[in-house]
Amino acid sequence: MNDALDRLARELMLDARPRLRLRFGLACVQRVHHLLEDPAVIDCLAVLARHLDGQATEPELEAAAAEAARLANHHPGSRSLDGVGHAAVSASYAVANALAGKALRAAEYAAYATVYGEGGYGAVQQRESFQPEFDWQVEALQRLAAET
């Protein structure tokens, strides 16, 4: 979906850099943290942050990833007609993907969450609504890659 991000990820060989994937996924999800509704999803996200700080083990990360995926798959969805409630669903999926090390998927869901949260269902139909988040994602990945 974010062509510039996809190109950058290939250039950086993101698939071969698990720590960078986790850091970038966390950065994307932190931008939509305010859209998360389920405290259990927030708890899972905290495990990722602790893992990156060396305070949570790989098995703890794997367990949190599995729990986040389960929670995202069981999110009740939006009850609003305009789709704004979908922001929480997308943010939950962003967390699940970030924990699983699927940074580009986390970025994609985080972008959807942002756009849903700002403009509802109609906004996600307009590609230009995503551009500010896409630009931020490219800059964030470049910055994180330069730090490692």
Protein backbone atom coordinates (compact mmCIF):
# COMPACT_ATOMS: atom_id res chain seq x y z
CA MET A 1 0.00 0.00 0.00
CA ASN A 2 2.84 2.43 0.86
CA ASP A 3 5.05 2.00 -2.18
CA ALA A 4 7.84 4.23 -0.86
CA LEU A 5 7.93 2.27 2.39
CA ASP A 6 8.01 -1.03 0.51
CA ARG A 7 10.97 0.19 -1.58
CA LEU A 8 12.82 1.42 1.48
CA ALA A 9 12.20 -1.87 3.30
CA ARG A 10 13.72 -3.77 0.37
CA GLU A 11 16.73 -1.43 0.24
CA LEU A 12 17.30 -1.84 3.97
CA MET A 13 16.74 -5.62 3.78
CA LEU A 14 14.18 -5.23 6.54
CA ASP A 15 13.19 -8.91 6.37
CA ALA A 16 16.68 -9.84 7.59
CA ARG A 17 16.65 -7.35 10.49
CA PRO A 18 14.29 -8.60 13.21
CA ARG A 19 15.14 -5.95 15.79
CA LEU A 20 14.55 -3.14 13.29
CA ARG A 21 11.24 -4.73 12.31
CA LEU A 22 10.17 -4.80 15.96
CA ARG A 23 11.32 -1.23 16.58
CA PHE A 24 9.56 0.08 13.50
CA GLY A 25 6.37 -1.84 14.29
CA LEU A 26 6.40 -0.39 17.80
CA ALA A 27 6.91 3.13 16.47
CA CYS A 28 3.94 2.77 14.12
CA VAL A 29 1.70 1.40 16.84
CA GLN A 30 2.68 4.08 19.32
CA ARG A 31 1.15 6.60 16.91
CA VAL A 32 -2.25 4.89 17.22
CA HIS A 33 -2.01 3.86 20.87
CA HIS A 34 -4.77 6.34 21.75
CA LEU A 35 -7.15 4.41 19.48
CA LEU A 36 -6.74 1.10 21.33
CA GLU A 37 -9.81 0.19 23.34
CA ASP A 38 -8.90 -3.13 24.95
CA PRO A 39 -6.58 -2.96 27.98
CA ALA A 40 -5.42 -6.51 27.19
CA VAL A 41 -4.14 -5.35 23.77
CA ILE A 42 -2.34 -2.48 25.47
CA ASP A 43 -0.77 -4.98 27.88
CA CYS A 44 0.45 -7.04 24.92
CA LEU A 45 1.98 -3.94 23.37
CA ALA A 46 3.81 -3.22 26.63
CA VAL A 47 5.53 -6.60 26.30
CA LEU A 48 6.99 -5.50 22.96
CA ALA A 49 8.39 -2.33 24.50
CA ARG A 50 9.83 -4.29 27.41
CA HIS A 51 11.33 -6.85 25.02
CA LEU A 52 13.11 -4.13 23.08
CA ASP A 53 14.44 -2.78 26.40
CA GLY A 54 15.73 -6.25 27.29
CA GLN A 55 13.15 -6.73 30.03
CA ALA A 56 10.94 -9.38 28.38
CA THR A 57 12.09 -12.70 26.96
CA GLU A 58 11.50 -14.11 23.50
CA PRO A 59 8.90 -16.58 24.88
CA GLU A 60 7.08 -13.69 26.56
CA LEU A 61 7.09 -11.80 23.26
CA GLU A 62 5.75 -14.86 21.42
CA ALA A 63 2.99 -15.33 23.99
CA ALA A 64 2.02 -11.66 23.75
CA ALA A 65 1.99 -11.89 19.94
CA ALA A 66 -0.34 -14.89 20.07
CA GLU A 67 -2.63 -13.15 22.56
CA ALA A 68 -2.68 -9.92 20.53
CA ALA A 69 -3.61 -11.87 17.39
CA ARG A 70 -6.41 -13.64 19.27
CA LEU A 71 -7.72 -10.35 20.65
CA ALA A 72 -7.59 -8.61 17.27
CA ASN A 73 -9.46 -11.47 15.62
CA HIS A 74 -12.20 -11.23 18.24
CA HIS A 75 -12.58 -7.44 18.27
CA PRO A 76 -16.29 -6.61 18.02
CA GLY A 77 -15.69 -4.05 15.28
CA SER A 78 -17.43 -0.78 14.65
CA ARG A 79 -20.98 -0.05 15.67
CA SER A 80 -20.92 3.37 14.00
CA LEU A 81 -22.32 3.94 10.54
CA ASP A 82 -19.44 6.16 9.46
CA GLY A 83 -16.79 3.55 10.28
CA VAL A 84 -14.82 5.68 12.74
CA GLY A 85 -15.00 2.78 15.21
CA HIS A 86 -12.94 0.71 12.80
CA ALA A 87 -9.92 2.66 13.99
CA ALA A 88 -9.74 0.51 17.13
CA VAL A 89 -9.96 -2.69 15.08
CA SER A 90 -7.15 -1.56 12.78
CA ALA A 91 -5.06 -0.40 15.71
CA SER A 92 -5.50 -3.81 17.36
CA TYR A 93 -4.36 -5.56 14.20
CA ALA A 94 -1.40 -3.18 14.04
CA VAL A 95 -0.38 -4.29 17.54
CA ALA A 96 -0.72 -7.98 16.65
CA ASN A 97 1.44 -7.55 13.56
CA ALA A 98 4.05 -5.44 15.35
CA LEU A 99 4.42 -8.12 18.02
CA ALA A 100 4.75 -10.79 15.34
CA GLY A 101 7.58 -8.86 13.69
CA LYS A 102 5.47 -8.06 10.63
CA ALA A 103 6.43 -4.41 10.55
CA LEU A 104 5.04 -3.51 7.14
CA ARG A 105 1.67 -5.06 7.98
CA ALA A 106 1.72 -3.20 11.31
CA ALA A 107 2.43 0.02 9.42
CA GLU A 108 -0.44 -0.66 7.02
CA TYR A 109 -2.93 -1.29 9.83
CA ALA A 110 -1.65 1.74 11.75
CA ALA A 111 -2.19 3.91 8.67
CA TYR A 112 -5.74 2.62 8.35
CA ALA A 113 -6.34 3.25 12.05
CA THR A 114 -5.09 6.82 11.70
CA VAL A 115 -7.25 7.58 8.69
CA TYR A 116 -10.33 5.90 10.17
CA GLY A 117 -9.77 7.82 13.39
CA GLU A 118 -9.49 11.15 11.63
CA GLY A 119 -12.05 10.86 8.88
CA GLY A 120 -14.09 7.70 9.12
CA TYR A 121 -15.00 5.26 6.41
CA GLY A 122 -15.15 7.85 3.62
CA ALA A 123 -11.58 8.94 4.22
CA VAL A 124 -10.13 5.46 3.66
CA GLN A 125 -11.60 5.55 0.18
CA GLN A 126 -9.33 8.48 -0.67
CA ARG A 127 -5.69 7.50 -1.14
CA GLU A 128 -4.47 11.03 -0.42
CA SER A 129 -5.83 10.69 3.14
CA PHE A 130 -3.00 8.25 3.83
CA GLN A 131 -0.15 10.38 2.52
CA PRO A 132 0.82 12.16 5.75
CA GLU A 133 1.05 8.83 7.58
CA PHE A 134 2.90 7.21 4.67
CA ASP A 135 5.44 10.04 4.70
CA TRP A 136 5.92 9.70 8.46
CA GLN A 137 6.42 5.94 8.13
CA VAL A 138 9.19 6.33 5.54
CA GLU A 139 10.95 8.96 7.66
CA ALA A 140 10.59 6.84 10.81
CA LEU A 141 12.05 3.73 9.18
CA GLN A 142 14.94 5.74 7.76
CA ARG A 143 15.65 7.23 11.20
CA LEU A 144 15.46 3.90 13.01
CA ALA A 145 17.68 2.21 10.43
CA ALA A 146 20.27 4.98 10.81
CA GLU A 147 20.27 4.44 14.59
CA THR A 148 21.21 0.75 14.27
